[in-house]
Amino acid sequence: MQAHGGWIGNPVELLRVLDRVDGQPVVPDILQPKSLRLLSREGIPGSGYSLGWSVNSLQNRWHIGSMPGSFAMFCCTAGGFNWVLLMNTRSTNSSFTKEADELVWGILNAVRDWPERSAQ
């Protein structure tokens, strides 16, 4: 389990990876536009899944994972926001993932004035 399920970075480092595969012009992507389009297209129609990412009709891409004692969720939104949520807990509550997702979207929707973004 350690080889495939261990932490690979902190939230800032994970965001730096997302910035390189989000298709936004601020930070150059490491993948070609054709490859990025493949990441956003369902592999099997109706599955909501594409090449390691969950996808939806809004063109958002995300991945969720958990192991005992940890939970991770990250997302590249069609609106140009990338976010990472890491927790040192794992819940057996069936609504936990939905509530975590709604928490982040609620925060994003509550902010009216975002600072200018610069490449880092």
PDB file of N, CA and C in Angstrom:
ATOM      1  N   MET A   1       0.810  -1.199   0.000  1.00  0.00           N
ATOM      2  CA  MET A   1       0.000   0.000   0.000  1.00  0.00           C
ATOM      3  C   MET A   1       0.855   1.265   0.000  1.00  0.00           C
ATOM      4  N   GLN A   2       2.038   1.208   0.564  1.00  0.00           N
ATOM      5  CA  GLN A   2       2.848   2.414   0.635  1.00  0.00           C
ATOM      6  C   GLN A   2       3.257   2.913  -0.751  1.00  0.00           C
ATOM      7  N   ALA A   3       3.549   2.025  -1.653  1.00  0.00           N
ATOM      8  CA  ALA A   3       4.053   2.439  -2.956  1.00  0.00           C
ATOM      9  C   ALA A   3       3.002   3.187  -3.773  1.00  0.00           C
ATOM     10  N   HIS A   4       1.756   2.830  -3.654  1.00  0.00           N
ATOM     11  CA  HIS A   4       0.747   3.502  -4.476  1.00  0.00           C
ATOM     12  C   HIS A   4      -0.151   4.443  -3.689  1.00  0.00           C
ATOM     13  N   GLY A   5      -0.107   4.415  -2.399  1.00  0.00           N
ATOM     14  CA  GLY A   5      -1.055   5.207  -1.637  1.00  0.00           C
ATOM     15  C   GLY A   5      -0.460   6.247  -0.723  1.00  0.00           C
ATOM     16  N   GLY A   6       0.837   6.449  -0.767  1.00  0.00           N
ATOM     17  CA  GLY A   6       1.456   7.427   0.114  1.00  0.00           C
ATOM     18  C   GLY A   6       1.331   8.838  -0.424  1.00  0.00           C
ATOM     19  N   TRP A   7       1.507   9.806   0.457  1.00  0.00           N
ATOM     20  CA  TRP A   7       1.493  11.207   0.041  1.00  0.00           C
ATOM     21  C   TRP A   7       2.665  11.459  -0.895  1.00  0.00           C
ATOM     22  N   ILE A   8       2.409  12.228  -1.947  1.00  0.00           N
ATOM     23  CA  ILE A   8       3.495  12.609  -2.849  1.00  0.00           C
ATOM     24  C   ILE A   8       3.846  14.083  -2.717  1.00  0.00           C
ATOM     25  N   GLY A   9       3.051  14.828  -2.004  1.00  0.00           N
ATOM     26  CA  GLY A   9       3.329  16.254  -1.870  1.00  0.00           C
ATOM     27  C   GLY A   9       2.347  16.927  -0.946  1.00  0.00           C
ATOM     28  N   ASN A  10       2.631  18.173  -0.647  1.00  0.00           N
ATOM     29  CA  ASN A  10       1.709  18.962   0.161  1.00  0.00           C
ATOM     30  C   ASN A  10       0.731  19.675  -0.779  1.00  0.00           C
ATOM     31  N   PRO A  11      -0.270  20.359  -0.250  1.00  0.00           N
ATOM     32  CA  PRO A  11      -1.268  21.001  -1.128  1.00  0.00           C
ATOM     33  C   PRO A  11      -0.671  21.964  -2.158  1.00  0.00           C
ATOM     34  N   VAL A  12       0.318  22.751  -1.773  1.00  0.00           N
ATOM     35  CA  VAL A  12       0.918  23.710  -2.709  1.00  0.00           C
ATOM     36  C   VAL A  12       1.617  22.968  -3.845  1.00  0.00           C
ATOM     37  N   GLU A  13       2.340  21.898  -3.518  1.00  0.00           N
ATOM     38  CA  GLU A  13       3.015  21.121  -4.560  1.00  0.00           C
ATOM     39  C   GLU A  13       2.006  20.466  -5.499  1.00  0.00           C
ATOM     40  N   LEU A  14       0.927  19.958  -4.951  1.00  0.00           N
ATOM     41  CA  LEU A  14      -0.108  19.357  -5.798  1.00  0.00           C
ATOM     42  C   LEU A  14      -0.760  20.396  -6.700  1.00  0.00           C
ATOM     43  N   LEU A  15      -0.961  21.600  -6.181  1.00  0.00           N
ATOM     44  CA  LEU A  15      -1.505  22.674  -7.020  1.00  0.00           C
ATOM     45  C   LEU A  15      -0.549  23.029  -8.158  1.00  0.00           C
ATOM     46  N   ARG A  16       0.723  22.979  -7.894  1.00  0.00           N
ATOM     47  CA  ARG A  16       1.702  23.246  -8.955  1.00  0.00           C
ATOM     48  C   ARG A  16       1.593  22.206 -10.071  1.00  0.00           C
ATOM     49  N   VAL A  17       1.335  20.962  -9.713  1.00  0.00           N
ATOM     50  CA  VAL A  17       1.118  19.931 -10.732  1.00  0.00           C
ATOM     51  C   VAL A  17      -0.165  20.227 -11.502  1.00  0.00           C
ATOM     52  N   LEU A  18      -1.242  20.548 -10.795  1.00  0.00           N
ATOM     53  CA  LEU A  18      -2.503  20.856 -11.467  1.00  0.00           C
ATOM     54  C   LEU A  18      -2.353  22.030 -12.424  1.00  0.00           C
ATOM     55  N   ASP A  19      -1.590  23.043 -12.022  1.00  0.00           N
ATOM     56  CA  ASP A  19      -1.356  24.195 -12.889  1.00  0.00           C
ATOM     57  C   ASP A  19      -0.707  23.799 -14.206  1.00  0.00           C
ATOM     58  N   ARG A  20       0.019  22.691 -14.208  1.00  0.00           N
ATOM     59  CA  ARG A  20       0.718  22.240 -15.413  1.00  0.00           C
ATOM     60  C   ARG A  20      -0.131  21.332 -16.305  1.00  0.00           C
ATOM     61  N   VAL A  21      -1.359  21.028 -15.862  1.00  0.00           N
ATOM     62  CA  VAL A  21      -2.235  20.175 -16.673  1.00  0.00           C
ATOM     63  C   VAL A  21      -3.661  20.733 -16.733  1.00  0.00           C
ATOM     64  N   ASP A  22      -3.811  22.042 -16.547  1.00  0.00           N
ATOM     65  CA  ASP A  22      -5.165  22.607 -16.487  1.00  0.00           C
ATOM     66  C   ASP A  22      -5.641  23.256 -17.780  1.00  0.00           C
ATOM     67  N   GLY A  23      -4.759  23.421 -18.762  1.00  0.00           N
ATOM     68  CA  GLY A  23      -5.169  24.031 -20.021  1.00  0.00           C
ATOM     69  C   GLY A  23      -5.334  25.535 -19.948  1.00  0.00           C
ATOM     70  N   GLN A  24      -4.949  26.149 -18.851  1.00  0.00           N
ATOM     71  CA  GLN A  24      -5.048  27.600 -18.694  1.00  0.00           C
ATOM     72  C   GLN A  24      -3.744  28.240 -19.163  1.00  0.00           C
ATOM     73  N   PRO A  25      -3.794  29.491 -19.645  1.00  0.00           N
ATOM     74  CA  PRO A  25      -2.603  30.109 -20.222  1.00  0.00           C
ATOM     75  C   PRO A  25      -1.588  30.683 -19.228  1.00  0.00           C
ATOM     76  N   VAL A  26      -1.919  30.800 -17.953  1.00  0.00           N
ATOM     77  CA  VAL A  26      -1.030  31.469 -16.994  1.00  0.00           C
ATOM     78  C   VAL A  26       0.270  30.705 -16.788  1.00  0.00           C
ATOM     79  N   VAL A  27       0.176  29.403 -16.584  1.00  0.00           N
ATOM     80  CA  VAL A  27       1.357  28.548 -16.376  1.00  0.00           C
ATOM     81  C   VAL A  27       1.404  27.555 -17.540  1.00  0.00           C
ATOM     82  N   PRO A  28       2.524  27.459 -18.224  1.00  0.00           N
ATOM     83  CA  PRO A  28       2.613  26.532 -19.366  1.00  0.00           C
ATOM     84  C   PRO A  28       2.315  25.085 -18.945  1.00  0.00           C
ATOM     85  N   ASP A  29       1.542  24.410 -19.761  1.00  0.00           N
ATOM     86  CA  ASP A  29       1.197  23.015 -19.483  1.00  0.00           C
ATOM     87  C   ASP A  29       2.301  22.076 -19.954  1.00  0.00           C
ATOM     88  N   ILE A  30       2.386  20.922 -19.303  1.00  0.00           N
ATOM     89  CA  ILE A  30       3.373  19.918 -19.688  1.00  0.00           C
ATOM     90  C   ILE A  30       2.799  18.935 -20.706  1.00  0.00           C
ATOM     91  N   LEU A  31       1.500  19.037 -20.961  1.00  0.00           N
ATOM     92  CA  LEU A  31       0.847  18.177 -21.938  1.00  0.00           C
ATOM     93  C   LEU A  31       0.377  19.004 -23.132  1.00  0.00           C
ATOM     94  N   GLN A  32       0.319  18.374 -24.277  1.00  0.00           N
ATOM     95  CA  GLN A  32      -0.175  19.026 -25.479  1.00  0.00           C
ATOM     96  C   GLN A  32      -1.690  19.230 -25.368  1.00  0.00           C
ATOM     97  N   PRO A  33      -2.246  20.228 -26.069  1.00  0.00           N
ATOM     98  CA  PRO A  33      -3.694  20.463 -26.026  1.00  0.00           C
ATOM     99  C   PRO A  33      -4.524  19.220 -26.343  1.00  0.00           C
ATOM    100  N   LYS A  34      -4.074  18.402 -27.287  1.00  0.00           N
ATOM    101  CA  LYS A  34      -4.801  17.173 -27.635  1.00  0.00           C
ATOM    102  C   LYS A  34      -4.891  16.238 -26.428  1.00  0.00           C
ATOM    103  N   SER A  35      -3.797  16.105 -25.699  1.00  0.00           N
ATOM    104  CA  SER A  35      -3.787  15.248 -24.507  1.00  0.00           C
ATOM    105  C   SER A  35      -4.691  15.809 -23.421  1.00  0.00           C
ATOM    106  N   LEU A  36      -4.687  17.122 -23.252  1.00  0.00           N
ATOM    107  CA  LEU A  36      -5.558  17.743 -22.254  1.00  0.00           C
ATOM    108  C   LEU A  36      -7.025  17.525 -22.595  1.00  0.00           C
ATOM    109  N   ARG A  37      -7.364  17.567 -23.888  1.00  0.00           N
ATOM    110  CA  ARG A  37      -8.753  17.300 -24.292  1.00  0.00           C
ATOM    111  C   ARG A  37      -9.153  15.864 -23.943  1.00  0.00           C
ATOM    112  N   LEU A  38      -8.216  14.926 -24.103  1.00  0.00           N
ATOM    113  CA  LEU A  38      -8.495  13.532 -23.754  1.00  0.00           C
ATOM    114  C   LEU A  38      -8.782  13.378 -22.263  1.00  0.00           C
ATOM    115  N   LEU A  39      -8.095  14.157 -21.422  1.00  0.00           N
ATOM    116  CA  LEU A  39      -8.321  14.090 -19.974  1.00  0.00           C
ATOM    117  C   LEU A  39      -9.719  14.537 -19.582  1.00  0.00           C
ATOM    118  N   SER A  40     -10.354  15.325 -20.425  1.00  0.00           N
ATOM    119  CA  SER A  40     -11.674  15.874 -20.109  1.00  0.00           C
ATOM    120  C   SER A  40     -12.808  15.114 -20.782  1.00  0.00           C
ATOM    121  N   ARG A  41     -12.482  14.105 -21.551  1.00  0.00           N
ATOM    122  CA  ARG A  41     -13.510  13.356 -22.281  1.00  0.00           C
ATOM    123  C   ARG A  41     -13.710  11.986 -21.643  1.00  0.00           C
ATOM    124  N   GLU A  42     -14.956  11.623 -21.444  1.00  0.00           N
ATOM    125  CA  GLU A  42     -15.262  10.316 -20.860  1.00  0.00           C
ATOM    126  C   GLU A  42     -14.708   9.206 -21.734  1.00  0.00           C
ATOM    127  N   GLY A  43     -14.050   8.252 -21.110  1.00  0.00           N
ATOM    128  CA  GLY A  43     -13.560   7.089 -21.841  1.00  0.00           C
ATOM    129  C   GLY A  43     -14.704   6.211 -22.317  1.00  0.00           C
ATOM    130  N   ILE A  44     -15.653   5.963 -21.437  1.00  0.00           N
ATOM    131  CA  ILE A  44     -16.860   5.205 -21.758  1.00  0.00           C
ATOM    132  C   ILE A  44     -18.034   6.147 -21.517  1.00  0.00           C
ATOM    133  N   PRO A  45     -18.836   6.441 -22.545  1.00  0.00           N
ATOM    134  CA  PRO A  45     -19.957   7.377 -22.363  1.00  0.00           C
ATOM    135  C   PRO A  45     -20.834   7.001 -21.163  1.00  0.00           C
ATOM    136  N   GLY A  46     -21.125   8.009 -20.350  1.00  0.00           N
ATOM    137  CA  GLY A  46     -21.954   7.801 -19.170  1.00  0.00           C
ATOM    138  C   GLY A  46     -21.192   7.364 -17.933  1.00  0.00           C
ATOM    139  N   SER A  47     -19.880   7.133 -18.067  1.00  0.00           N
ATOM    140  CA  SER A  47     -19.103   6.644 -16.927  1.00  0.00           C
ATOM    141  C   SER A  47     -18.658   7.760 -15.994  1.00  0.00           C
ATOM    142  N   GLY A  48     -18.522   8.989 -16.519  1.00  0.00           N
ATOM    143  CA  GLY A  48     -18.017  10.085 -15.703  1.00  0.00           C
ATOM    144  C   GLY A  48     -16.539   9.928 -15.371  1.00  0.00           C
ATOM    145  N   TYR A  49     -15.815   9.141 -16.172  1.00  0.00           N
ATOM    146  CA  TYR A  49     -14.416   8.845 -15.872  1.00  0.00           C
ATOM    147  C   TYR A  49     -13.573   8.930 -17.139  1.00  0.00           C
ATOM    148  N   SER A  50     -12.368   9.507 -17.003  1.00  0.00           N
ATOM    149  CA  SER A  50     -11.480   9.639 -18.155  1.00  0.00           C
ATOM    150  C   SER A  50     -10.028   9.614 -17.720  1.00  0.00           C
ATOM    151  N   LEU A  51      -9.307   8.594 -18.059  1.00  0.00           N
ATOM    152  CA  LEU A  51      -7.858   8.538 -17.866  1.00  0.00           C
ATOM    153  C   LEU A  51      -7.411   8.966 -16.473  1.00  0.00           C
ATOM    154  N   GLY A  52      -8.030   8.421 -15.439  1.00  0.00           N
ATOM    155  CA  GLY A  52      -7.631   8.702 -14.068  1.00  0.00           C
ATOM    156  C   GLY A  52      -8.345   9.869 -13.408  1.00  0.00           C
ATOM    157  N   TRP A  53      -9.184  10.539 -14.152  1.00  0.00           N
ATOM    158  CA  TRP A  53      -9.923  11.690 -13.634  1.00  0.00           C
ATOM    159  C   TRP A  53     -11.422  11.428 -13.720  1.00  0.00           C
ATOM    160  N   SER A  54     -12.164  11.952 -12.760  1.00  0.00           N
ATOM    161  CA  SER A  54     -13.614  12.040 -12.909  1.00  0.00           C
ATOM    162  C   SER A  54     -13.872  13.294 -13.731  1.00  0.00           C
ATOM    163  N   VAL A  55     -14.885  13.255 -14.570  1.00  0.00           N
ATOM    164  CA  VAL A  55     -15.216  14.392 -15.436  1.00  0.00           C
ATOM    165  C   VAL A  55     -16.719  14.610 -15.424  1.00  0.00           C
ATOM    166  N   ASN A  56     -17.118  15.834 -15.782  1.00  0.00           N
ATOM    167  CA  ASN A  56     -18.548  16.098 -15.935  1.00  0.00           C
ATOM    168  C   ASN A  56     -18.799  16.934 -17.183  1.00  0.00           C
ATOM    169  N   SER A  57     -20.053  17.185 -17.466  1.00  0.00           N
ATOM    170  CA  SER A  57     -20.424  17.917 -18.674  1.00  0.00           C
ATOM    171  C   SER A  57     -19.989  19.376 -18.628  1.00  0.00           C
ATOM    172  N   LEU A  58     -19.634  19.891 -17.456  1.00  0.00           N
ATOM    173  CA  LEU A  58     -19.156  21.271 -17.328  1.00  0.00           C
ATOM    174  C   LEU A  58     -17.669  21.393 -17.654  1.00  0.00           C
ATOM    175  N   GLN A  59     -17.030  20.271 -17.959  1.00  0.00           N
ATOM    176  CA  GLN A  59     -15.602  20.193 -18.255  1.00  0.00           C
ATOM    177  C   GLN A  59     -14.721  20.387 -17.023  1.00  0.00           C
ATOM    178  N   ASN A  60     -15.238  20.057 -15.845  1.00  0.00           N
ATOM    179  CA  ASN A  60     -14.419  20.005 -14.636  1.00  0.00           C
ATOM    180  C   ASN A  60     -13.776  18.618 -14.583  1.00  0.00           C
ATOM    181  N   ARG A  61     -12.547  18.552 -14.062  1.00  0.00           N
ATOM    182  CA  ARG A  61     -11.842  17.294 -13.869  1.00  0.00           C
ATOM    183  C   ARG A  61     -11.397  17.219 -12.425  1.00  0.00           C
ATOM    184  N   TRP A  62     -11.562  16.060 -11.791  1.00  0.00           N
ATOM    185  CA  TRP A  62     -11.156  15.918 -10.397  1.00  0.00           C
ATOM    186  C   TRP A  62     -10.802  14.475 -10.091  1.00  0.00           C
ATOM    187  N   HIS A  63     -10.142  14.309  -8.961  1.00  0.00           N
ATOM    188  CA  HIS A  63      -9.804  12.975  -8.470  1.00  0.00           C
ATOM    189  C   HIS A  63      -9.964  12.971  -6.960  1.00  0.00           C
ATOM    190  N   ILE A  64     -10.498  11.891  -6.446  1.00  0.00           N
ATOM    191  CA  ILE A  64     -10.727  11.731  -5.009  1.00  0.00           C
ATOM    192  C   ILE A  64     -10.111  10.404  -4.590  1.00  0.00           C
ATOM    193  N   GLY A  65      -9.459  10.417  -3.445  1.00  0.00           N
ATOM    194  CA  GLY A  65      -8.913   9.177  -2.923  1.00  0.00           C
ATOM    195  C   GLY A  65      -8.843   9.221  -1.414  1.00  0.00           C
ATOM    196  N   SER A  66      -8.888   8.056  -0.812  1.00  0.00           N
ATOM    197  CA  SER A  66      -8.752   7.995   0.640  1.00  0.00           C
ATOM    198  C   SER A  66      -8.191   6.642   1.043  1.00  0.00           C
ATOM    199  N   MET A  67      -7.556   6.671   2.178  1.00  0.00           N
ATOM    200  CA  MET A  67      -7.054   5.480   2.834  1.00  0.00           C
ATOM    201  C   MET A  67      -7.301   5.708   4.316  1.00  0.00           C
ATOM    202  N   PRO A  68      -7.217   4.688   5.135  1.00  0.00           N
ATOM    203  CA  PRO A  68      -7.429   4.928   6.565  1.00  0.00           C
ATOM    204  C   PRO A  68      -6.538   6.068   7.068  1.00  0.00           C
ATOM    205  N   GLY A  69      -7.166   7.087   7.608  1.00  0.00           N
ATOM    206  CA  GLY A  69      -6.433   8.225   8.158  1.00  0.00           C
ATOM    207  C   GLY A  69      -6.149   9.349   7.181  1.00  0.00           C
ATOM    208  N   SER A  70      -6.602   9.239   5.931  1.00  0.00           N
ATOM    209  CA  SER A  70      -6.345  10.325   4.986  1.00  0.00           C
ATOM    210  C   SER A  70      -7.440  10.410   3.924  1.00  0.00           C
ATOM    211  N   PHE A  71      -7.608  11.623   3.409  1.00  0.00           N
ATOM    212  CA  PHE A  71      -8.582  11.901   2.358  1.00  0.00           C
ATOM    213  C   PHE A  71      -7.993  12.983   1.468  1.00  0.00           C
ATOM    214  N   ALA A  72      -8.113  12.815   0.168  1.00  0.00           N
ATOM    215  CA  ALA A  72      -7.606  13.810  -0.774  1.00  0.00           C
ATOM    216  C   ALA A  72      -8.619  14.030  -1.888  1.00  0.00           C
ATOM    217  N   MET A  73      -8.745  15.283  -2.278  1.00  0.00           N
ATOM    218  CA  MET A  73      -9.609  15.652  -3.390  1.00  0.00           C
ATOM    219  C   MET A  73      -8.928  16.810  -4.109  1.00  0.00           C
ATOM    220  N   PHE A  74      -8.815  16.709  -5.427  1.00  0.00           N
ATOM    221  CA  PHE A  74      -8.287  17.841  -6.171  1.00  0.00           C
ATOM    222  C   PHE A  74      -9.068  18.015  -7.457  1.00  0.00           C
ATOM    223  N   CYS A  75      -9.072  19.255  -7.942  1.00  0.00           N
ATOM    224  CA  CYS A  75      -9.952  19.593  -9.058  1.00  0.00           C
ATOM    225  C   CYS A  75      -9.342  20.664  -9.936  1.00  0.00           C
ATOM    226  N   CYS A  76      -9.524  20.509 -11.245  1.00  0.00           N
ATOM    227  CA  CYS A  76      -9.282  21.563 -12.229  1.00  0.00           C
ATOM    228  C   CYS A  76     -10.656  21.939 -12.764  1.00  0.00           C
ATOM    229  N   THR A  77     -11.082  23.161 -12.530  1.00  0.00           N
ATOM    230  CA  THR A  77     -12.413  23.568 -12.968  1.00  0.00           C
ATOM    231  C   THR A  77     -12.355  24.204 -14.350  1.00  0.00           C
ATOM    232  N   ALA A  78     -13.444  24.115 -15.062  1.00  0.00           N
ATOM    233  CA  ALA A  78     -13.542  24.734 -16.378  1.00  0.00           C
ATOM    234  C   ALA A  78     -13.409  26.247 -16.270  1.00  0.00           C
ATOM    235  N   GLY A  79     -13.726  26.805 -15.109  1.00  0.00           N
ATOM    236  CA  GLY A  79     -13.615  28.243 -14.898  1.00  0.00           C
ATOM    237  C   GLY A  79     -12.215  28.718 -14.578  1.00  0.00           C
ATOM    238  N   GLY A  80     -11.244  27.819 -14.572  1.00  0.00           N
ATOM    239  CA  GLY A  80      -9.861  28.212 -14.366  1.00  0.00           C
ATOM    240  C   GLY A  80      -9.373  28.136 -12.937  1.00  0.00           C
ATOM    241  N   PHE A  81     -10.158  27.587 -12.033  1.00  0.00           N
ATOM    242  CA  PHE A  81      -9.710  27.414 -10.652  1.00  0.00           C
ATOM    243  C   PHE A  81      -9.211  25.991 -10.467  1.00  0.00           C
ATOM    244  N   ASN A  82      -8.099  25.867  -9.786  1.00  0.00           N
ATOM    245  CA  ASN A  82      -7.577  24.569  -9.366  1.00  0.00           C
ATOM    246  C   ASN A  82      -7.579  24.568  -7.853  1.00  0.00           C
ATOM    247  N   TRP A  83      -7.971  23.458  -7.268  1.00  0.00           N
ATOM    248  CA  TRP A  83      -7.945  23.383  -5.808  1.00  0.00           C
ATOM    249  C   TRP A  83      -7.620  21.982  -5.330  1.00  0.00           C
ATOM    250  N   VAL A  84      -7.071  21.953  -4.116  1.00  0.00           N
ATOM    251  CA  VAL A  84      -6.673  20.709  -3.459  1.00  0.00           C
ATOM    252  C   VAL A  84      -7.213  20.734  -2.041  1.00  0.00           C
ATOM    253  N   LEU A  85      -7.781  19.641  -1.612  1.00  0.00           N
ATOM    254  CA  LEU A  85      -8.252  19.485  -0.239  1.00  0.00           C
ATOM    255  C   LEU A  85      -7.634  18.198   0.311  1.00  0.00           C
ATOM    256  N   LEU A  86      -6.821  18.328   1.335  1.00  0.00           N
ATOM    257  CA  LEU A  86      -6.203  17.168   1.988  1.00  0.00           C
ATOM    258  C   LEU A  86      -6.644  17.153   3.446  1.00  0.00           C
ATOM    259  N   MET A  87      -6.979  15.986   3.943  1.00  0.00           N
ATOM    260  CA  MET A  87      -7.390  15.841   5.339  1.00  0.00           C
ATOM    261  C   MET A  87      -6.682  14.652   5.960  1.00  0.00           C
ATOM    262  N   ASN A  88      -6.455  14.739   7.251  1.00  0.00           N
ATOM    263  CA  ASN A  88      -5.843  13.613   7.955  1.00  0.00           C
ATOM    264  C   ASN A  88      -6.926  12.800   8.645  1.00  0.00           C
ATOM    265  N   THR A  89      -7.980  12.530   7.892  1.00  0.00           N
ATOM    266  CA  THR A  89      -9.077  11.700   8.376  1.00  0.00           C
ATOM    267  C   THR A  89      -9.722  10.999   7.195  1.00  0.00           C
ATOM    268  N   ARG A  90     -10.451   9.989   7.504  1.00  0.00           N
ATOM    269  CA  ARG A  90     -11.252   9.284   6.505  1.00  0.00           C
ATOM    270  C   ARG A  90     -12.558   8.942   7.179  1.00  0.00           C
ATOM    271  N   SER A  91     -13.637   9.287   6.537  1.00  0.00           N
ATOM    272  CA  SER A  91     -14.944   9.066   7.142  1.00  0.00           C
ATOM    273  C   SER A  91     -15.663   7.906   6.469  1.00  0.00           C
ATOM    274  N   THR A  92     -16.444   7.184   7.240  1.00  0.00           N
ATOM    275  CA  THR A  92     -17.301   6.139   6.679  1.00  0.00           C
ATOM    276  C   THR A  92     -18.699   6.676   6.396  1.00  0.00           C
ATOM    277  N   ASN A  93     -18.927   7.951   6.732  1.00  0.00           N
ATOM    278  CA  ASN A  93     -20.208   8.598   6.457  1.00  0.00           C
ATOM    279  C   ASN A  93     -20.382   8.706   4.943  1.00  0.00           C
ATOM    280  N   SER A  94     -21.484   8.224   4.422  1.00  0.00           N
ATOM    281  CA  SER A  94     -21.695   8.200   2.980  1.00  0.00           C
ATOM    282  C   SER A  94     -21.772   9.595   2.357  1.00  0.00           C
ATOM    283  N   SER A  95     -22.041  10.621   3.137  1.00  0.00           N
ATOM    284  CA  SER A  95     -22.145  11.976   2.588  1.00  0.00           C
ATOM    285  C   SER A  95     -20.846  12.778   2.735  1.00  0.00           C
ATOM    286  N   PHE A  96     -19.813  12.175   3.302  1.00  0.00           N
ATOM    287  CA  PHE A  96     -18.575  12.898   3.579  1.00  0.00           C
ATOM    288  C   PHE A  96     -17.964  13.525   2.324  1.00  0.00           C
ATOM    289  N   THR A  97     -17.808  12.756   1.265  1.00  0.00           N
ATOM    290  CA  THR A  97     -17.192  13.277   0.038  1.00  0.00           C
ATOM    291  C   THR A  97     -18.030  14.392  -0.556  1.00  0.00           C
ATOM    292  N   LYS A  98     -19.323  14.206  -0.610  1.00  0.00           N
ATOM    293  CA  LYS A  98     -20.220  15.242  -1.150  1.00  0.00           C
ATOM    294  C   LYS A  98     -20.120  16.514  -0.324  1.00  0.00           C
ATOM    295  N   GLU A  99     -20.092  16.391   0.985  1.00  0.00           N
ATOM    296  CA  GLU A  99     -20.002  17.572   1.852  1.00  0.00           C
ATOM    297  C   GLU A  99     -18.644  18.256   1.722  1.00  0.00           C
ATOM    298  N   ALA A 100     -17.580  17.494   1.552  1.00  0.00           N
ATOM    299  CA  ALA A 100     -16.254  18.090   1.353  1.00  0.00           C
ATOM    300  C   ALA A 100     -16.231  18.873   0.039  1.00  0.00           C
ATOM    301  N   ASP A 101     -16.783  18.304  -0.999  1.00  0.00           N
ATOM    302  CA  ASP A 101     -16.866  18.966  -2.296  1.00  0.00           C
ATOM    303  C   ASP A 101     -17.693  20.253  -2.192  1.00  0.00           C
ATOM    304  N   GLU A 102     -18.827  20.177  -1.543  1.00  0.00           N
ATOM    305  CA  GLU A 102     -19.691  21.353  -1.387  1.00  0.00           C
ATOM    306  C   GLU A 102     -19.011  22.443  -0.556  1.00  0.00           C
ATOM    307  N   LEU A 103     -18.195  22.051   0.410  1.00  0.00           N
ATOM    308  CA  LEU A 103     -17.459  23.023   1.219  1.00  0.00           C
ATOM    309  C   LEU A 103     -16.559  23.883   0.331  1.00  0.00           C
ATOM    310  N   VAL A 104     -15.773  23.232  -0.522  1.00  0.00           N
ATOM    311  CA  VAL A 104     -14.847  23.983  -1.374  1.00  0.00           C
ATOM    312  C   VAL A 104     -15.612  24.839  -2.385  1.00  0.00           C
ATOM    313  N   TRP A 105     -16.636  24.283  -3.020  1.00  0.00           N
ATOM    314  CA  TRP A 105     -17.410  25.070  -3.990  1.00  0.00           C
ATOM    315  C   TRP A 105     -18.102  26.248  -3.301  1.00  0.00           C
ATOM    316  N   GLY A 106     -18.549  26.067  -2.074  1.00  0.00           N
ATOM    317  CA  GLY A 106     -19.154  27.171  -1.323  1.00  0.00           C
ATOM    318  C   GLY A 106     -18.161  28.293  -1.082  1.00  0.00           C
ATOM    319  N   ILE A 107     -16.925  27.929  -0.761  1.00  0.00           N
ATOM    320  CA  ILE A 107     -15.877  28.941  -0.565  1.00  0.00           C
ATOM    321  C   ILE A 107     -15.595  29.660  -1.880  1.00  0.00           C
ATOM    322  N   LEU A 108     -15.416  28.913  -2.954  1.00  0.00           N
ATOM    323  CA  LEU A 108     -15.142  29.525  -4.255  1.00  0.00           C
ATOM    324  C   LEU A 108     -16.249  30.488  -4.664  1.00  0.00           C
ATOM    325  N   ASN A 109     -17.488  30.087  -4.448  1.00  0.00           N
ATOM    326  CA  ASN A 109     -18.620  30.915  -4.849  1.00  0.00           C
ATOM    327  C   ASN A 109     -18.817  32.133  -3.949  1.00  0.00           C
ATOM    328  N   ALA A 110     -18.260  32.097  -2.740  1.00  0.00           N
ATOM    329  CA  ALA A 110     -18.420  33.219  -1.805  1.00  0.00           C
ATOM    330  C   ALA A 110     -17.421  34.346  -2.052  1.00  0.00           C
ATOM    331  N   VAL A 111     -16.304  34.045  -2.701  1.00  0.00           N
ATOM    332  CA  VAL A 111     -15.284  35.071  -2.950  1.00  0.00           C
ATOM    333  C   VAL A 111     -15.697  35.886  -4.179  1.00  0.00           C
ATOM    334  N   ARG A 112     -15.743  37.202  -3.997  1.00  0.00           N
ATOM    335  CA  ARG A 112     -16.157  38.086  -5.100  1.00  0.00           C
ATOM    336  C   ARG A 112     -14.972  38.714  -5.828  1.00  0.00           C
ATOM    337  N   ASP A 113     -13.888  39.012  -5.122  1.00  0.00           N
ATOM    338  CA  ASP A 113     -12.736  39.657  -5.725  1.00  0.00           C
ATOM    339  C   ASP A 113     -11.496  38.792  -5.517  1.00  0.00           C
ATOM    340  N   TRP A 114     -11.048  38.176  -6.589  1.00  0.00           N
ATOM    341  CA  TRP A 114      -9.860  37.330  -6.536  1.00  0.00           C
ATOM    342  C   TRP A 114      -8.638  38.167  -6.887  1.00  0.00           C
ATOM    343  N   PRO A 115      -7.512  37.904  -6.240  1.00  0.00           N
ATOM    344  CA  PRO A 115      -6.284  38.604  -6.618  1.00  0.00           C
ATOM    345  C   PRO A 115      -5.817  38.146  -7.992  1.00  0.00           C
ATOM    346  N   GLU A 116      -5.005  38.955  -8.638  1.00  0.00           N
ATOM    347  CA  GLU A 116      -4.430  38.573  -9.921  1.00  0.00           C
ATOM    348  C   GLU A 116      -3.561  37.341  -9.723  1.00  0.00           C
ATOM    349  N   ARG A 117      -3.597  36.449 -10.659  1.00  0.00           N
ATOM    350  CA  ARG A 117      -2.804  35.226 -10.572  1.00  0.00           C
ATOM    351  C   ARG A 117      -1.546  35.399 -11.400  1.00  0.00           C
ATOM    352  N   SER A 118      -0.454  34.947 -10.865  1.00  0.00           N
ATOM    353  CA  SER A 118       0.802  35.005 -11.603  1.00  0.00           C
ATOM    354  C   SER A 118       1.422  33.614 -11.645  1.00  0.00           C
ATOM    355  N   ALA A 119       2.192  33.372 -12.674  1.00  0.00           N
ATOM    356  CA  ALA A 119       2.878  32.085 -12.801  1.00  0.00           C
ATOM    357  C   ALA A 119       3.936  31.964 -11.713  1.00  0.00           C
ATOM    358  N   GLN A 120       4.031  30.782 -11.115  1.00  0.00           N
ATOM    359  CA  GLN A 120       5.039  30.541 -10.070  1.00  0.00           C
ATOM    360  C   GLN A 120       5.790  29.278 -10.348  1.00  0.00           C
TER     361      GLN A 120
END
